[in-house]
Amino acid sequence: MNADPHWGYIIAAYAIAFIVVGGAIWRIVGEHRRLLAELARFKDQGEEG
């Protein structure tokens, strides 16, 4: 099983996929938090005026 010459490629492909998907999730969560904070700020402004 370890004698397969493609193991390096397979591991690299999984690692790159993990990094890309993880980065996308991290960015989406950050954007979600930013939007929630912005909506809360708008809500506060609406109650003042």
PDB file of N, CA and C in Angstrom:
ATOM      1  N   MET A   1       0.826  -1.192   0.000  1.00  0.00           N
ATOM      2  CA  MET A   1       0.000   0.000   0.000  1.00  0.00           C
ATOM      3  C   MET A   1       0.871   1.256   0.000  1.00  0.00           C
ATOM      4  N   ASN A   2       1.925   1.278   0.790  1.00  0.00           N
ATOM      5  CA  ASN A   2       2.813   2.436   0.811  1.00  0.00           C
ATOM      6  C   ASN A   2       3.747   2.457  -0.384  1.00  0.00           C
ATOM      7  N   ALA A   3       3.772   1.402  -1.174  1.00  0.00           N
ATOM      8  CA  ALA A   3       4.660   1.337  -2.323  1.00  0.00           C
ATOM      9  C   ALA A   3       4.080   2.087  -3.525  1.00  0.00           C
ATOM     10  N   ASP A   4       2.859   2.552  -3.415  1.00  0.00           N
ATOM     11  CA  ASP A   4       2.231   3.280  -4.511  1.00  0.00           C
ATOM     12  C   ASP A   4       2.955   4.613  -4.714  1.00  0.00           C
ATOM     13  N   PRO A   5       3.402   4.897  -5.933  1.00  0.00           N
ATOM     14  CA  PRO A   5       4.169   6.128  -6.163  1.00  0.00           C
ATOM     15  C   PRO A   5       3.313   7.397  -6.127  1.00  0.00           C
ATOM     16  N   HIS A   6       2.012   7.264  -6.026  1.00  0.00           N
ATOM     17  CA  HIS A   6       1.125   8.423  -6.066  1.00  0.00           C
ATOM     18  C   HIS A   6       0.715   8.928  -4.686  1.00  0.00           C
ATOM     19  N   TRP A   7       1.242   8.325  -3.620  1.00  0.00           N
ATOM     20  CA  TRP A   7       0.834   8.724  -2.270  1.00  0.00           C
ATOM     21  C   TRP A   7       1.163  10.180  -1.988  1.00  0.00           C
ATOM     22  N   GLY A   8       2.282  10.657  -2.457  1.00  0.00           N
ATOM     23  CA  GLY A   8       2.644  12.052  -2.237  1.00  0.00           C
ATOM     24  C   GLY A   8       1.635  12.998  -2.860  1.00  0.00           C
ATOM     25  N   TYR A   9       1.225  12.682  -4.080  1.00  0.00           N
ATOM     26  CA  TYR A   9       0.229  13.503  -4.772  1.00  0.00           C
ATOM     27  C   TYR A   9      -1.112  13.462  -4.035  1.00  0.00           C
ATOM     28  N   ILE A  10      -1.511  12.296  -3.592  1.00  0.00           N
ATOM     29  CA  ILE A  10      -2.791  12.148  -2.903  1.00  0.00           C
ATOM     30  C   ILE A  10      -2.799  12.956  -1.607  1.00  0.00           C
ATOM     31  N   ILE A  11      -1.736  12.848  -0.835  1.00  0.00           N
ATOM     32  CA  ILE A  11      -1.652  13.583   0.427  1.00  0.00           C
ATOM     33  C   ILE A  11      -1.624  15.087   0.160  1.00  0.00           C
ATOM     34  N   ALA A  12      -0.868  15.515  -0.840  1.00  0.00           N
ATOM     35  CA  ALA A  12      -0.810  16.945  -1.174  1.00  0.00           C
ATOM     36  C   ALA A  12      -2.171  17.453  -1.631  1.00  0.00           C
ATOM     37  N   ALA A  13      -2.886  16.673  -2.417  1.00  0.00           N
ATOM     38  CA  ALA A  13      -4.201  17.089  -2.893  1.00  0.00           C
ATOM     39  C   ALA A  13      -5.186  17.238  -1.737  1.00  0.00           C
ATOM     40  N   TYR A  14      -5.168  16.287  -0.800  1.00  0.00           N
ATOM     41  CA  TYR A  14      -6.040  16.395   0.366  1.00  0.00           C
ATOM     42  C   TYR A  14      -5.651  17.585   1.231  1.00  0.00           C
ATOM     43  N   ALA A  15      -4.368  17.831   1.392  1.00  0.00           N
ATOM     44  CA  ALA A  15      -3.915  18.957   2.208  1.00  0.00           C
ATOM     45  C   ALA A  15      -4.346  20.282   1.586  1.00  0.00           C
ATOM     46  N   ILE A  16      -4.179  20.420   0.291  1.00  0.00           N
ATOM     47  CA  ILE A  16      -4.576  21.656  -0.387  1.00  0.00           C
ATOM     48  C   ILE A  16      -6.094  21.841  -0.309  1.00  0.00           C
ATOM     49  N   ALA A  17      -6.840  20.772  -0.503  1.00  0.00           N
ATOM     50  CA  ALA A  17      -8.299  20.858  -0.415  1.00  0.00           C
ATOM     51  C   ALA A  17      -8.723  21.267   0.996  1.00  0.00           C
ATOM     52  N   PHE A  18      -8.082  20.699   2.008  1.00  0.00           N
ATOM     53  CA  PHE A  18      -8.394  21.036   3.396  1.00  0.00           C
ATOM     54  C   PHE A  18      -8.109  22.515   3.664  1.00  0.00           C
ATOM     55  N   ILE A  19      -6.984  23.020   3.167  1.00  0.00           N
ATOM     56  CA  ILE A  19      -6.620  24.425   3.366  1.00  0.00           C
ATOM     57  C   ILE A  19      -7.616  25.347   2.655  1.00  0.00           C
ATOM     58  N   VAL A  20      -7.980  25.004   1.438  1.00  0.00           N
ATOM     59  CA  VAL A  20      -8.907  25.852   0.675  1.00  0.00           C
ATOM     60  C   VAL A  20     -10.291  25.873   1.320  1.00  0.00           C
ATOM     61  N   VAL A  21     -10.808  24.713   1.679  1.00  0.00           N
ATOM     62  CA  VAL A  21     -12.139  24.646   2.291  1.00  0.00           C
ATOM     63  C   VAL A  21     -12.115  25.318   3.662  1.00  0.00           C
ATOM     64  N   GLY A  22     -11.073  25.073   4.438  1.00  0.00           N
ATOM     65  CA  GLY A  22     -10.958  25.716   5.746  1.00  0.00           C
ATOM     66  C   GLY A  22     -10.874  27.227   5.624  1.00  0.00           C
ATOM     67  N   GLY A  23     -10.123  27.708   4.651  1.00  0.00           N
ATOM     68  CA  GLY A  23     -10.025  29.147   4.427  1.00  0.00           C
ATOM     69  C   GLY A  23     -11.349  29.757   4.021  1.00  0.00           C
ATOM     70  N   ALA A  24     -12.090  29.057   3.187  1.00  0.00           N
ATOM     71  CA  ALA A  24     -13.405  29.553   2.769  1.00  0.00           C
ATOM     72  C   ALA A  24     -14.357  29.615   3.963  1.00  0.00           C
ATOM     73  N   ILE A  25     -14.353  28.597   4.791  1.00  0.00           N
ATOM     74  CA  ILE A  25     -15.211  28.592   5.982  1.00  0.00           C
ATOM     75  C   ILE A  25     -14.811  29.719   6.923  1.00  0.00           C
ATOM     76  N   TRP A  26     -13.507  29.914   7.132  1.00  0.00           N
ATOM     77  CA  TRP A  26     -13.012  30.972   8.003  1.00  0.00           C
ATOM     78  C   TRP A  26     -13.464  32.342   7.498  1.00  0.00           C
ATOM     79  N   ARG A  27     -13.376  32.545   6.191  1.00  0.00           N
ATOM     80  CA  ARG A  27     -13.786  33.831   5.615  1.00  0.00           C
ATOM     81  C   ARG A  27     -15.298  34.043   5.737  1.00  0.00           C
ATOM     82  N   ILE A  28     -16.077  33.006   5.504  1.00  0.00           N
ATOM     83  CA  ILE A  28     -17.534  33.116   5.609  1.00  0.00           C
ATOM     84  C   ILE A  28     -17.945  33.424   7.040  1.00  0.00           C
ATOM     85  N   VAL A  29     -17.338  32.749   8.008  1.00  0.00           N
ATOM     86  CA  VAL A  29     -17.670  33.001   9.415  1.00  0.00           C
ATOM     87  C   VAL A  29     -17.285  34.428   9.795  1.00  0.00           C
ATOM     88  N   GLY A  30     -16.130  34.890   9.354  1.00  0.00           N
ATOM     89  CA  GLY A  30     -15.717  36.259   9.643  1.00  0.00           C
ATOM     90  C   GLY A  30     -16.660  37.279   9.034  1.00  0.00           C
ATOM     91  N   GLU A  31     -17.077  37.042   7.814  1.00  0.00           N
ATOM     92  CA  GLU A  31     -18.019  37.951   7.153  1.00  0.00           C
ATOM     93  C   GLU A  31     -19.371  37.944   7.870  1.00  0.00           C
ATOM     94  N   HIS A  32     -19.800  36.786   8.318  1.00  0.00           N
ATOM     95  CA  HIS A  32     -21.061  36.672   9.043  1.00  0.00           C
ATOM     96  C   HIS A  32     -21.011  37.484  10.337  1.00  0.00           C
ATOM     97  N   ARG A  33     -19.904  37.350  11.074  1.00  0.00           N
ATOM     98  CA  ARG A  33     -19.756  38.114  12.316  1.00  0.00           C
ATOM     99  C   ARG A  33     -19.732  39.615  12.044  1.00  0.00           C
ATOM    100  N   ARG A  34     -19.045  40.018  10.974  1.00  0.00           N
ATOM    101  CA  ARG A  34     -18.984  41.432  10.627  1.00  0.00           C
ATOM    102  C   ARG A  34     -20.375  41.963  10.284  1.00  0.00           C
ATOM    103  N   LEU A  35     -21.130  41.197   9.527  1.00  0.00           N
ATOM    104  CA  LEU A  35     -22.477  41.624   9.151  1.00  0.00           C
ATOM    105  C   LEU A  35     -23.417  41.689  10.358  1.00  0.00           C
ATOM    106  N   LEU A  36     -23.279  40.743  11.279  1.00  0.00           N
ATOM    107  CA  LEU A  36     -24.100  40.796  12.491  1.00  0.00           C
ATOM    108  C   LEU A  36     -23.796  42.048  13.302  1.00  0.00           C
ATOM    109  N   ALA A  37     -22.531  42.391  13.413  1.00  0.00           N
ATOM    110  CA  ALA A  37     -22.156  43.604  14.148  1.00  0.00           C
ATOM    111  C   ALA A  37     -22.688  44.846  13.442  1.00  0.00           C
ATOM    112  N   GLU A  38     -22.611  44.862  12.137  1.00  0.00           N
ATOM    113  CA  GLU A  38     -23.111  46.011  11.379  1.00  0.00           C
ATOM    114  C   GLU A  38     -24.632  46.132  11.508  1.00  0.00           C
ATOM    115  N   LEU A  39     -25.341  45.017  11.458  1.00  0.00           N
ATOM    116  CA  LEU A  39     -26.796  45.057  11.632  1.00  0.00           C
ATOM    117  C   LEU A  39     -27.178  45.526  13.029  1.00  0.00           C
ATOM    118  N   ALA A  40     -26.422  45.099  14.034  1.00  0.00           N
ATOM    119  CA  ALA A  40     -26.693  45.554  15.397  1.00  0.00           C
ATOM    120  C   ALA A  40     -26.462  47.055  15.501  1.00  0.00           C
ATOM    121  N   ARG A  41     -25.441  47.562  14.822  1.00  0.00           N
ATOM    122  CA  ARG A  41     -25.168  48.998  14.839  1.00  0.00           C
ATOM    123  C   ARG A  41     -26.320  49.763  14.170  1.00  0.00           C
ATOM    124  N   PHE A  42     -26.824  49.250  13.058  1.00  0.00           N
ATOM    125  CA  PHE A  42     -27.959  49.887  12.389  1.00  0.00           C
ATOM    126  C   PHE A  42     -29.207  49.861  13.275  1.00  0.00           C
ATOM    127  N   LYS A  43     -29.394  48.759  13.976  1.00  0.00           N
ATOM    128  CA  LYS A  43     -30.543  48.652  14.877  1.00  0.00           C
ATOM    129  C   LYS A  43     -30.443  49.694  15.981  1.00  0.00           C
ATOM    130  N   ASP A  44     -29.259  49.863  16.539  1.00  0.00           N
ATOM    131  CA  ASP A  44     -29.055  50.865  17.579  1.00  0.00           C
ATOM    132  C   ASP A  44     -29.296  52.278  17.052  1.00  0.00           C
ATOM    133  N   GLN A  45     -28.876  52.554  15.840  1.00  0.00           N
ATOM    134  CA  GLN A  45     -29.082  53.873  15.252  1.00  0.00           C
ATOM    135  C   GLN A  45     -30.567  54.126  15.006  1.00  0.00           C
ATOM    136  N   GLY A  46     -31.294  53.095  14.633  1.00  0.00           N
ATOM    137  CA  GLY A  46     -32.725  53.243  14.391  1.00  0.00           C
ATOM    138  C   GLY A  46     -33.495  53.551  15.651  1.00  0.00           C
ATOM    139  N   GLU A  47     -33.062  53.012  16.766  1.00  0.00           N
ATOM    140  CA  GLU A  47     -33.749  53.263  18.028  1.00  0.00           C
ATOM    141  C   GLU A  47     -33.456  54.663  18.560  1.00  0.00           C
ATOM    142  N   GLU A  48     -32.306  55.216  18.197  1.00  0.00           N
ATOM    143  CA  GLU A  48     -31.946  56.554  18.672  1.00  0.00           C
ATOM    144  C   GLU A  48     -32.728  57.646  17.927  1.00  0.00           C
ATOM    145  N   GLY A  49     -32.900  57.440  16.626  1.00  0.00           N
ATOM    146  CA  GLY A  49     -33.497  58.505  15.834  1.00  0.00           C
ATOM    147  C   GLY A  49     -34.877  58.192  15.470  1.00  0.00           C
TER     148      GLY A  49
END
